[in-house]
Amino acid sequence: MEYGGNTSCMEIDAPGMDELLIFDSGTGIRNLGNHLERLDKMNNRGRIFITHPHWDHIQGFPFFKPFYSSKNKFSIHLPEQYRGGAQEILSGHLTKTFFPVTLDMLDATIEYVTQKEEREDYGHYSIEYFVANHSTKTAIYKIRIGGRVIVYAPDNELPLNTTPIRFVEKFQEFIKDADVLIHDAQYTLQQYKEREGWGHSAWERVIEVVKPTGVKNLYLTHHDPDTNDEVLRRRDSRLKQYEGAPFDKVSLTREGAEIRIPVKRSETIMSGNRAKVS
């Protein structure tokens, strides 16, 4: 598959970083773990920021091989949910009813963090989030790293009309002037009209909402599972009309994609799969 197949997972890497920075643990995280194993990299440590606990964002969690080595150390971050924080939610998914391995069987040292919306600094980068328009509390993460701003919004519904809470306007303010925005674009506008309220966006609406915000590079993700590569390839070609103005770059995310952003004399590398973006 060219555009999709695995569910959401993204890794960000930057010069001088000595820890992993991962977003979501969909099935793509299994490939990232396999990649790290091939590198024979020992003593992995890092943070995994999960946007929300829907299955497609945590399905790969128990298949991440670094969790099974006592030499490794990770912090797992998740916004508070109706039924609890990060540890409570993940332990509820990883029970013997659903999977043979439970959280207490993982060998790595793991800290579970219920992530707050406010900006927090982690040395080489900082993280804050805006609550998405989705069916459970879902983070739209804003990452400041290497003098750049990356916004990751894989599940977010941009309604066609302005709402009393001014969600679209607040979202536009949050993403203003970002260097990279990765945003949900599961549907066409025609499909969306039959799925309004399902928590995902039409790609045409994403373009319309993001155009005036000063976002430099836009990547559309969370492709509908019933949309094949041929259809997505044609859609990707249509997006090229928006390059140059208003965006420097606009395209669909793909399996194995790497997005490279110059940072002064070095560069930040955002990897799709190594950690898959889908």
C-alpha atoms as a PDB file:
ATOM      1  CA  MET A   1       0.000   0.000   0.000  1.00  0.00           C
ATOM      2  CA  GLU A   2       1.205   3.461  -0.893  1.00  0.00           C
ATOM      3  CA  TYR A   3      -0.918   5.765   1.233  1.00  0.00           C
ATOM      4  CA  GLY A   4      -2.342   3.758   4.084  1.00  0.00           C
ATOM      5  CA  GLY A   5      -2.663   0.398   5.745  1.00  0.00           C
ATOM      6  CA  ASN A   6      -1.297   0.916   9.219  1.00  0.00           C
ATOM      7  CA  THR A   7      -3.074   3.116  11.739  1.00  0.00           C
ATOM      8  CA  SER A   8      -1.754   6.289  13.322  1.00  0.00           C
ATOM      9  CA  CYS A   9       1.809   6.600  14.579  1.00  0.00           C
ATOM     10  CA  MET A  10       4.396   9.334  14.059  1.00  0.00           C
ATOM     11  CA  GLU A  11       7.937   9.860  15.296  1.00  0.00           C
ATOM     12  CA  ILE A  12       9.769  13.191  15.494  1.00  0.00           C
ATOM     13  CA  ASP A  13      13.552  13.315  15.636  1.00  0.00           C
ATOM     14  CA  ALA A  14      15.818  16.343  15.949  1.00  0.00           C
ATOM     15  CA  PRO A  15      19.550  17.044  16.325  1.00  0.00           C
ATOM     16  CA  GLY A  16      20.791  16.552  19.856  1.00  0.00           C
ATOM     17  CA  MET A  17      17.813  14.508  21.029  1.00  0.00           C
ATOM     18  CA  ASP A  18      18.735  11.384  22.948  1.00  0.00           C
ATOM     19  CA  GLU A  19      15.204  10.109  23.510  1.00  0.00           C
ATOM     20  CA  LEU A  20      12.352   8.912  21.319  1.00  0.00           C
ATOM     21  CA  LEU A  21       9.419  11.239  20.679  1.00  0.00           C
ATOM     22  CA  ILE A  22       6.401   9.316  19.386  1.00  0.00           C
ATOM     23  CA  PHE A  23       2.791  10.261  18.753  1.00  0.00           C
ATOM     24  CA  ASP A  24       0.056   7.622  18.897  1.00  0.00           C
ATOM     25  CA  SER A  25       0.521   3.883  19.065  1.00  0.00           C
ATOM     26  CA  GLY A  26      -1.591   2.573  16.230  1.00  0.00           C
ATOM     27  CA  THR A  27      -0.380  -0.424  14.247  1.00  0.00           C
ATOM     28  CA  GLY A  28       2.439   1.667  12.753  1.00  0.00           C
ATOM     29  CA  ILE A  29       4.304   1.595  16.077  1.00  0.00           C
ATOM     30  CA  ARG A  30       5.038  -2.099  15.564  1.00  0.00           C
ATOM     31  CA  ASN A  31       7.162  -1.194  12.535  1.00  0.00           C
ATOM     32  CA  LEU A  32       8.974   1.467  14.542  1.00  0.00           C
ATOM     33  CA  GLY A  33       9.796  -1.096  17.229  1.00  0.00           C
ATOM     34  CA  ASN A  34      11.069  -3.503  14.596  1.00  0.00           C
ATOM     35  CA  HIS A  35      13.199  -0.728  13.112  1.00  0.00           C
ATOM     36  CA  LEU A  36      14.771   0.015  16.495  1.00  0.00           C
ATOM     37  CA  GLU A  37      15.449  -3.687  16.985  1.00  0.00           C
ATOM     38  CA  ARG A  38      17.225  -3.885  13.611  1.00  0.00           C
ATOM     39  CA  LEU A  39      19.395  -0.950  14.661  1.00  0.00           C
ATOM     40  CA  ASP A  40      20.288  -3.006  17.744  1.00  0.00           C
ATOM     41  CA  LYS A  41      19.722   0.148  19.746  1.00  0.00           C
ATOM     42  CA  MET A  42      19.919  -0.580  23.461  1.00  0.00           C
ATOM     43  CA  ASN A  43      18.588   1.416  26.397  1.00  0.00           C
ATOM     44  CA  ASN A  44      15.753   3.115  24.534  1.00  0.00           C
ATOM     45  CA  ARG A  45      13.944   5.826  26.424  1.00  0.00           C
ATOM     46  CA  GLY A  46      11.359   8.344  25.403  1.00  0.00           C
ATOM     47  CA  ARG A  47       7.811   9.616  25.491  1.00  0.00           C
ATOM     48  CA  ILE A  48       4.697   8.481  23.654  1.00  0.00           C
ATOM     49  CA  PHE A  49       1.918  11.052  23.381  1.00  0.00           C
ATOM     50  CA  ILE A  50      -1.399   9.369  22.568  1.00  0.00           C
ATOM     51  CA  THR A  51      -4.098  11.649  21.164  1.00  0.00           C
ATOM     52  CA  HIS A  52      -6.996   9.505  22.445  1.00  0.00           C
ATOM     53  CA  PRO A  53      -7.709   5.866  23.244  1.00  0.00           C
ATOM     54  CA  HIS A  54      -9.747   4.802  20.219  1.00  0.00           C
ATOM     55  CA  TRP A  55      -8.556   1.437  18.942  1.00  0.00           C
ATOM     56  CA  ASP A  56      -6.855   2.732  15.808  1.00  0.00           C
ATOM     57  CA  HIS A  57      -4.553   4.865  17.975  1.00  0.00           C
ATOM     58  CA  ILE A  58      -3.561   2.203  20.505  1.00  0.00           C
ATOM     59  CA  GLN A  59      -3.832  -1.089  18.592  1.00  0.00           C
ATOM     60  CA  GLY A  60      -0.085  -1.332  18.190  1.00  0.00           C
ATOM     61  CA  PHE A  61       0.757  -0.571  21.823  1.00  0.00           C
ATOM     62  CA  PRO A  62       1.372  -4.171  22.993  1.00  0.00           C
ATOM     63  CA  PHE A  63       3.326  -4.967  19.794  1.00  0.00           C
ATOM     64  CA  PHE A  64       6.040  -2.330  20.411  1.00  0.00           C
ATOM     65  CA  LYS A  65       9.078  -4.523  21.087  1.00  0.00           C
ATOM     66  CA  PRO A  66      11.018  -1.999  23.246  1.00  0.00           C
ATOM     67  CA  PHE A  67       8.330  -2.469  25.917  1.00  0.00           C
ATOM     68  CA  TYR A  68       9.634  -6.005  26.465  1.00  0.00           C
ATOM     69  CA  SER A  69      13.168  -5.067  27.550  1.00  0.00           C
ATOM     70  CA  SER A  70      13.954  -4.048  31.116  1.00  0.00           C
ATOM     71  CA  LYS A  71      16.711  -1.779  29.751  1.00  0.00           C
ATOM     72  CA  ASN A  72      14.145   0.625  28.311  1.00  0.00           C
ATOM     73  CA  LYS A  73      12.162   3.454  29.912  1.00  0.00           C
ATOM     74  CA  PHE A  74       9.099   5.265  28.570  1.00  0.00           C
ATOM     75  CA  SER A  75       6.485   7.793  29.633  1.00  0.00           C
ATOM     76  CA  ILE A  76       3.013   7.335  28.143  1.00  0.00           C
ATOM     77  CA  HIS A  77       0.943  10.528  27.913  1.00  0.00           C
ATOM     78  CA  LEU A  78      -2.822  10.679  27.345  1.00  0.00           C
ATOM     79  CA  PRO A  79      -5.488  13.327  27.998  1.00  0.00           C
ATOM     80  CA  GLU A  80      -7.808  12.498  30.883  1.00  0.00           C
ATOM     81  CA  GLN A  81     -10.830  10.479  29.804  1.00  0.00           C
ATOM     82  CA  TYR A  82     -14.279   9.972  31.293  1.00  0.00           C
ATOM     83  CA  ARG A  83     -13.165   6.701  32.885  1.00  0.00           C
ATOM     84  CA  GLY A  84      -9.763   7.814  34.128  1.00  0.00           C
ATOM     85  CA  GLY A  85      -6.221   8.736  33.238  1.00  0.00           C
ATOM     86  CA  ALA A  86      -3.561   7.139  31.055  1.00  0.00           C
ATOM     87  CA  GLN A  87      -2.903   4.063  33.173  1.00  0.00           C
ATOM     88  CA  GLU A  88      -6.548   3.330  33.899  1.00  0.00           C
ATOM     89  CA  ILE A  89      -7.549   3.577  30.248  1.00  0.00           C
ATOM     90  CA  LEU A  90      -4.701   1.469  28.876  1.00  0.00           C
ATOM     91  CA  SER A  91      -5.050  -1.187  31.562  1.00  0.00           C
ATOM     92  CA  GLY A  92      -8.738  -1.398  30.658  1.00  0.00           C
ATOM     93  CA  HIS A  93      -7.837  -2.173  27.054  1.00  0.00           C
ATOM     94  CA  LEU A  94      -5.039  -4.598  27.901  1.00  0.00           C
ATOM     95  CA  THR A  95      -6.925  -7.200  29.913  1.00  0.00           C
ATOM     96  CA  LYS A  96      -6.896 -10.965  29.433  1.00  0.00           C
ATOM     97  CA  THR A  97     -10.285 -10.649  27.737  1.00  0.00           C
ATOM     98  CA  PHE A  98      -8.797  -8.693  24.850  1.00  0.00           C
ATOM     99  CA  PHE A  99      -5.094  -9.570  24.800  1.00  0.00           C
ATOM    100  CA  PRO A 100      -2.809 -12.100  26.533  1.00  0.00           C
ATOM    101  CA  VAL A 101      -0.328  -9.457  27.783  1.00  0.00           C
ATOM    102  CA  THR A 102      -1.365  -6.976  30.480  1.00  0.00           C
ATOM    103  CA  LEU A 103       0.433  -3.766  31.458  1.00  0.00           C
ATOM    104  CA  ASP A 104       2.122  -5.379  34.453  1.00  0.00           C
ATOM    105  CA  MET A 105       3.740  -7.939  32.149  1.00  0.00           C
ATOM    106  CA  LEU A 106       5.718  -5.303  30.209  1.00  0.00           C
ATOM    107  CA  ASP A 107       9.398  -5.374  31.202  1.00  0.00           C
ATOM    108  CA  ALA A 108      10.320  -1.763  30.454  1.00  0.00           C
ATOM    109  CA  THR A 109      10.020   0.908  33.127  1.00  0.00           C
ATOM    110  CA  ILE A 110       6.837   2.750  32.180  1.00  0.00           C
ATOM    111  CA  GLU A 111       5.374   5.908  33.685  1.00  0.00           C
ATOM    112  CA  TYR A 112       1.784   6.832  32.872  1.00  0.00           C
ATOM    113  CA  VAL A 113       1.012  10.556  32.637  1.00  0.00           C
ATOM    114  CA  THR A 114      -2.418  12.124  32.373  1.00  0.00           C
ATOM    115  CA  GLN A 115      -1.499  14.990  30.063  1.00  0.00           C
ATOM    116  CA  LYS A 116      -2.681  18.544  30.747  1.00  0.00           C
ATOM    117  CA  GLU A 117      -3.662  20.979  28.002  1.00  0.00           C
ATOM    118  CA  GLU A 118      -1.178  23.639  29.095  1.00  0.00           C
ATOM    119  CA  ARG A 119       2.280  23.910  27.553  1.00  0.00           C
ATOM    120  CA  GLU A 120       4.916  21.759  29.220  1.00  0.00           C
ATOM    121  CA  ASP A 121       8.648  21.765  28.505  1.00  0.00           C
ATOM    122  CA  TYR A 122      10.644  18.561  28.023  1.00  0.00           C
ATOM    123  CA  GLY A 123      14.146  19.848  27.354  1.00  0.00           C
ATOM    124  CA  HIS A 124      14.540  19.781  23.581  1.00  0.00           C
ATOM    125  CA  TYR A 125      10.860  20.456  22.921  1.00  0.00           C
ATOM    126  CA  SER A 126       7.575  21.579  24.463  1.00  0.00           C
ATOM    127  CA  ILE A 127       4.054  20.185  24.091  1.00  0.00           C
ATOM    128  CA  GLU A 128       0.585  21.637  24.535  1.00  0.00           C
ATOM    129  CA  TYR A 129      -2.760  20.611  23.146  1.00  0.00           C
ATOM    130  CA  PHE A 130      -6.138  21.862  21.996  1.00  0.00           C
ATOM    131  CA  VAL A 131      -9.163  19.608  22.474  1.00  0.00           C
ATOM    132  CA  ALA A 132     -10.357  18.270  19.123  1.00  0.00           C
ATOM    133  CA  ASN A 133     -13.939  17.965  17.902  1.00  0.00           C
ATOM    134  CA  HIS A 134     -14.171  14.206  18.301  1.00  0.00           C
ATOM    135  CA  SER A 135     -16.303  11.656  20.136  1.00  0.00           C
ATOM    136  CA  THR A 136     -13.981  11.377  23.155  1.00  0.00           C
ATOM    137  CA  LYS A 137     -11.475  13.820  24.634  1.00  0.00           C
ATOM    138  CA  THR A 138      -8.809  13.989  21.951  1.00  0.00           C
ATOM    139  CA  ALA A 139      -5.631  16.054  21.807  1.00  0.00           C
ATOM    140  CA  ILE A 140      -4.471  18.166  18.909  1.00  0.00           C
ATOM    141  CA  TYR A 141      -0.810  18.321  19.900  1.00  0.00           C
ATOM    142  CA  LYS A 142       1.342  21.366  19.213  1.00  0.00           C
ATOM    143  CA  ILE A 143       5.057  20.600  19.338  1.00  0.00           C
ATOM    144  CA  ARG A 144       7.671  23.350  19.477  1.00  0.00           C
ATOM    145  CA  ILE A 145      11.040  21.929  18.533  1.00  0.00           C
ATOM    146  CA  GLY A 146      14.166  23.289  16.883  1.00  0.00           C
ATOM    147  CA  GLY A 147      12.579  26.687  16.393  1.00  0.00           C
ATOM    148  CA  ARG A 148       9.697  25.097  14.485  1.00  0.00           C
ATOM    149  CA  VAL A 149       6.033  24.408  15.260  1.00  0.00           C
ATOM    150  CA  ILE A 150       4.408  21.104  14.305  1.00  0.00           C
ATOM    151  CA  VAL A 151       0.705  20.448  14.896  1.00  0.00           C
ATOM    152  CA  TYR A 152      -0.608  16.881  14.885  1.00  0.00           C
ATOM    153  CA  ALA A 153      -4.395  16.543  14.512  1.00  0.00           C
ATOM    154  CA  PRO A 154      -5.197  13.068  13.155  1.00  0.00           C
ATOM    155  CA  ASP A 155      -8.813  12.977  14.423  1.00  0.00           C
ATOM    156  CA  ASN A 156     -10.695  16.269  14.262  1.00  0.00           C
ATOM    157  CA  GLU A 157     -14.017  17.226  12.696  1.00  0.00           C
ATOM    158  CA  LEU A 158     -14.157  20.672  11.122  1.00  0.00           C
ATOM    159  CA  PRO A 159     -17.894  21.453  10.881  1.00  0.00           C
ATOM    160  CA  LEU A 160     -19.242  23.156   7.790  1.00  0.00           C
ATOM    161  CA  ASN A 161     -20.924  25.913   9.773  1.00  0.00           C
ATOM    162  CA  THR A 162     -19.776  28.175  12.590  1.00  0.00           C
ATOM    163  CA  THR A 163     -20.902  26.866  15.977  1.00  0.00           C
ATOM    164  CA  PRO A 164     -21.876  28.860  19.079  1.00  0.00           C
ATOM    165  CA  ILE A 165     -18.606  27.841  20.760  1.00  0.00           C
ATOM    166  CA  ARG A 166     -16.630  29.172  17.772  1.00  0.00           C
ATOM    167  CA  PHE A 167     -14.685  25.920  17.479  1.00  0.00           C
ATOM    168  CA  VAL A 168     -13.325  26.583  13.988  1.00  0.00           C
ATOM    169  CA  GLU A 169     -12.105  30.055  14.901  1.00  0.00           C
ATOM    170  CA  LYS A 170     -10.368  28.767  18.034  1.00  0.00           C
ATOM    171  CA  PHE A 171      -8.789  25.962  16.029  1.00  0.00           C
ATOM    172  CA  GLN A 172      -7.510  28.452  13.459  1.00  0.00           C
ATOM    173  CA  GLU A 173      -5.903  30.509  16.197  1.00  0.00           C
ATOM    174  CA  PHE A 174      -4.230  27.416  17.671  1.00  0.00           C
ATOM    175  CA  ILE A 175      -2.617  26.377  14.363  1.00  0.00           C
ATOM    176  CA  LYS A 176      -1.715  29.907  13.222  1.00  0.00           C
ATOM    177  CA  ASP A 177       1.654  30.111  11.401  1.00  0.00           C
ATOM    178  CA  ALA A 178       2.591  26.479  12.136  1.00  0.00           C
ATOM    179  CA  ASP A 179       5.433  25.113  10.037  1.00  0.00           C
ATOM    180  CA  VAL A 180       3.687  21.758   9.634  1.00  0.00           C
ATOM    181  CA  LEU A 181       0.074  20.715  10.184  1.00  0.00           C
ATOM    182  CA  ILE A 182      -0.901  17.054   9.921  1.00  0.00           C
ATOM    183  CA  HIS A 183      -4.694  16.917   9.861  1.00  0.00           C
ATOM    184  CA  ASP A 184      -7.543  14.458   9.559  1.00  0.00           C
ATOM    185  CA  ALA A 185      -9.082  14.409   6.064  1.00  0.00           C
ATOM    186  CA  GLN A 186     -10.911  11.098   5.978  1.00  0.00           C
ATOM    187  CA  TYR A 187     -13.797  12.106   3.727  1.00  0.00           C
ATOM    188  CA  THR A 188     -14.692  13.970   0.608  1.00  0.00           C
ATOM    189  CA  LEU A 189     -17.234  16.751   1.089  1.00  0.00           C
ATOM    190  CA  GLN A 190     -19.942  14.527  -0.389  1.00  0.00           C
ATOM    191  CA  GLN A 191     -19.095  11.673   2.006  1.00  0.00           C
ATOM    192  CA  TYR A 192     -18.946  14.046   4.964  1.00  0.00           C
ATOM    193  CA  LYS A 193     -22.528  15.230   4.452  1.00  0.00           C
ATOM    194  CA  GLU A 194     -23.638  11.643   5.134  1.00  0.00           C
ATOM    195  CA  ARG A 195     -21.279  11.240   8.131  1.00  0.00           C
ATOM    196  CA  GLU A 196     -21.587  14.571   9.906  1.00  0.00           C
ATOM    197  CA  GLY A 197     -20.905  14.175  13.619  1.00  0.00           C
ATOM    198  CA  TRP A 198     -18.673  11.107  13.194  1.00  0.00           C
ATOM    199  CA  GLY A 199     -15.593  13.061  14.300  1.00  0.00           C
ATOM    200  CA  HIS A 200     -13.671  13.346  11.017  1.00  0.00           C
ATOM    201  CA  SER A 201     -13.213  16.003   8.340  1.00  0.00           C
ATOM    202  CA  ALA A 202     -13.656  16.435   4.612  1.00  0.00           C
ATOM    203  CA  TRP A 203     -10.417  17.276   2.853  1.00  0.00           C
ATOM    204  CA  GLU A 204     -12.001  20.201   0.992  1.00  0.00           C
ATOM    205  CA  ARG A 205     -13.121  21.730   4.308  1.00  0.00           C
ATOM    206  CA  VAL A 206      -9.639  21.319   5.785  1.00  0.00           C
ATOM    207  CA  ILE A 207      -8.163  23.303   2.886  1.00  0.00           C
ATOM    208  CA  GLU A 208     -10.804  26.015   3.312  1.00  0.00           C
ATOM    209  CA  VAL A 209     -10.273  26.379   7.066  1.00  0.00           C
ATOM    210  CA  VAL A 210      -6.460  26.219   7.023  1.00  0.00           C
ATOM    211  CA  LYS A 211      -5.810  28.505   4.013  1.00  0.00           C
ATOM    212  CA  PRO A 212      -5.983  31.828   5.925  1.00  0.00           C
ATOM    213  CA  THR A 213      -3.965  30.679   8.964  1.00  0.00           C
ATOM    214  CA  GLY A 214      -0.420  30.989   7.647  1.00  0.00           C
ATOM    215  CA  VAL A 215       0.308  27.257   7.960  1.00  0.00           C
ATOM    216  CA  LYS A 216       3.269  26.553   5.699  1.00  0.00           C
ATOM    217  CA  ASN A 217       3.068  22.810   5.052  1.00  0.00           C
ATOM    218  CA  LEU A 218      -0.162  20.801   5.197  1.00  0.00           C
ATOM    219  CA  TYR A 219      -0.314  17.003   5.248  1.00  0.00           C
ATOM    220  CA  LEU A 220      -3.688  15.253   5.133  1.00  0.00           C
ATOM    221  CA  THR A 221      -4.035  11.969   6.976  1.00  0.00           C
ATOM    222  CA  HIS A 222      -6.454   9.369   8.433  1.00  0.00           C
ATOM    223  CA  HIS A 223      -7.476   8.111   4.983  1.00  0.00           C
ATOM    224  CA  ASP A 224     -10.800   6.314   4.771  1.00  0.00           C
ATOM    225  CA  PRO A 225     -10.215   2.524   4.775  1.00  0.00           C
ATOM    226  CA  ASP A 226     -12.571   2.094   1.800  1.00  0.00           C
ATOM    227  CA  THR A 227     -10.569   4.542  -0.337  1.00  0.00           C
ATOM    228  CA  ASN A 228      -7.890   2.814  -2.404  1.00  0.00           C
ATOM    229  CA  ASP A 229      -4.488   4.041  -3.562  1.00  0.00           C
ATOM    230  CA  GLU A 230      -5.730   4.937  -7.039  1.00  0.00           C
ATOM    231  CA  VAL A 231      -8.342   7.325  -5.661  1.00  0.00           C
ATOM    232  CA  LEU A 232      -5.889   8.793  -3.161  1.00  0.00           C
ATOM    233  CA  ARG A 233      -3.266   9.263  -5.874  1.00  0.00           C
ATOM    234  CA  ARG A 234      -5.725  11.344  -7.910  1.00  0.00           C
ATOM    235  CA  ARG A 235      -6.641  13.354  -4.836  1.00  0.00           C
ATOM    236  CA  ASP A 236      -2.976  13.960  -4.081  1.00  0.00           C
ATOM    237  CA  SER A 237      -2.520  15.334  -7.595  1.00  0.00           C
ATOM    238  CA  ARG A 238      -5.453  17.709  -7.122  1.00  0.00           C
ATOM    239  CA  LEU A 239      -3.854  19.085  -3.964  1.00  0.00           C
ATOM    240  CA  LYS A 240      -0.849  20.363  -5.946  1.00  0.00           C
ATOM    241  CA  GLN A 241      -2.944  23.332  -7.123  1.00  0.00           C
ATOM    242  CA  TYR A 242      -2.604  24.761  -3.590  1.00  0.00           C
ATOM    243  CA  GLU A 243       1.214  24.637  -3.529  1.00  0.00           C
ATOM    244  CA  GLY A 244       3.026  27.941  -3.787  1.00  0.00           C
ATOM    245  CA  ALA A 245      -0.062  29.755  -2.515  1.00  0.00           C
ATOM    246  CA  PRO A 246      -1.294  29.443   0.137  1.00  0.00           C
ATOM    247  CA  PHE A 247       0.969  26.523   1.159  1.00  0.00           C
ATOM    248  CA  ASP A 248       4.604  25.739   0.506  1.00  0.00           C
ATOM    249  CA  LYS A 249       3.671  22.064   0.422  1.00  0.00           C
ATOM    250  CA  VAL A 250       0.390  20.159   0.610  1.00  0.00           C
ATOM    251  CA  SER A 251      -0.053  16.427   0.156  1.00  0.00           C
ATOM    252  CA  LEU A 252      -1.495  13.238   1.577  1.00  0.00           C
ATOM    253  CA  THR A 253       0.532  11.279   4.117  1.00  0.00           C
ATOM    254  CA  ARG A 254       1.997   7.971   2.975  1.00  0.00           C
ATOM    255  CA  GLU A 255       3.398   4.808   4.459  1.00  0.00           C
ATOM    256  CA  GLY A 256       7.078   5.338   5.216  1.00  0.00           C
ATOM    257  CA  ALA A 257       6.997   9.092   4.640  1.00  0.00           C
ATOM    258  CA  GLU A 258       9.711  11.363   6.021  1.00  0.00           C
ATOM    259  CA  ILE A 259       9.202  15.115   6.177  1.00  0.00           C
ATOM    260  CA  ARG A 260      12.427  17.093   6.531  1.00  0.00           C
ATOM    261  CA  ILE A 261      12.350  20.631   7.889  1.00  0.00           C
ATOM    262  CA  PRO A 262      15.500  22.799   7.888  1.00  0.00           C
ATOM    263  CA  VAL A 263      16.386  24.038  11.366  1.00  0.00           C
ATOM    264  CA  LYS A 264      19.153  26.633  11.154  1.00  0.00           C
ATOM    265  CA  ARG A 265      22.278  24.632  10.243  1.00  0.00           C
ATOM    266  CA  SER A 266      20.712  21.259  10.862  1.00  0.00           C
ATOM    267  CA  GLU A 267      17.302  19.735  10.283  1.00  0.00           C
ATOM    268  CA  THR A 268      14.440  18.164  12.103  1.00  0.00           C
ATOM    269  CA  ILE A 269      13.317  14.845  10.681  1.00  0.00           C
ATOM    270  CA  MET A 270       9.697  13.829  11.112  1.00  0.00           C
ATOM    271  CA  SER A 271       9.333  10.177  10.267  1.00  0.00           C
ATOM    272  CA  GLY A 272       6.152   8.553   9.118  1.00  0.00           C
ATOM    273  CA  ASN A 273       7.128   4.915   9.022  1.00  0.00           C
ATOM    274  CA  ARG A 274       9.771   4.204  10.614  1.00  0.00           C
ATOM    275  CA  ALA A 275       6.641   5.209  12.556  1.00  0.00           C
ATOM    276  CA  LYS A 276       3.776   5.029  10.089  1.00  0.00           C
ATOM    277  CA  VAL A 277       1.498   7.947   9.451  1.00  0.00           C
ATOM    278  CA  SER A 278      -1.865   6.798   8.178  1.00  0.00           C
END
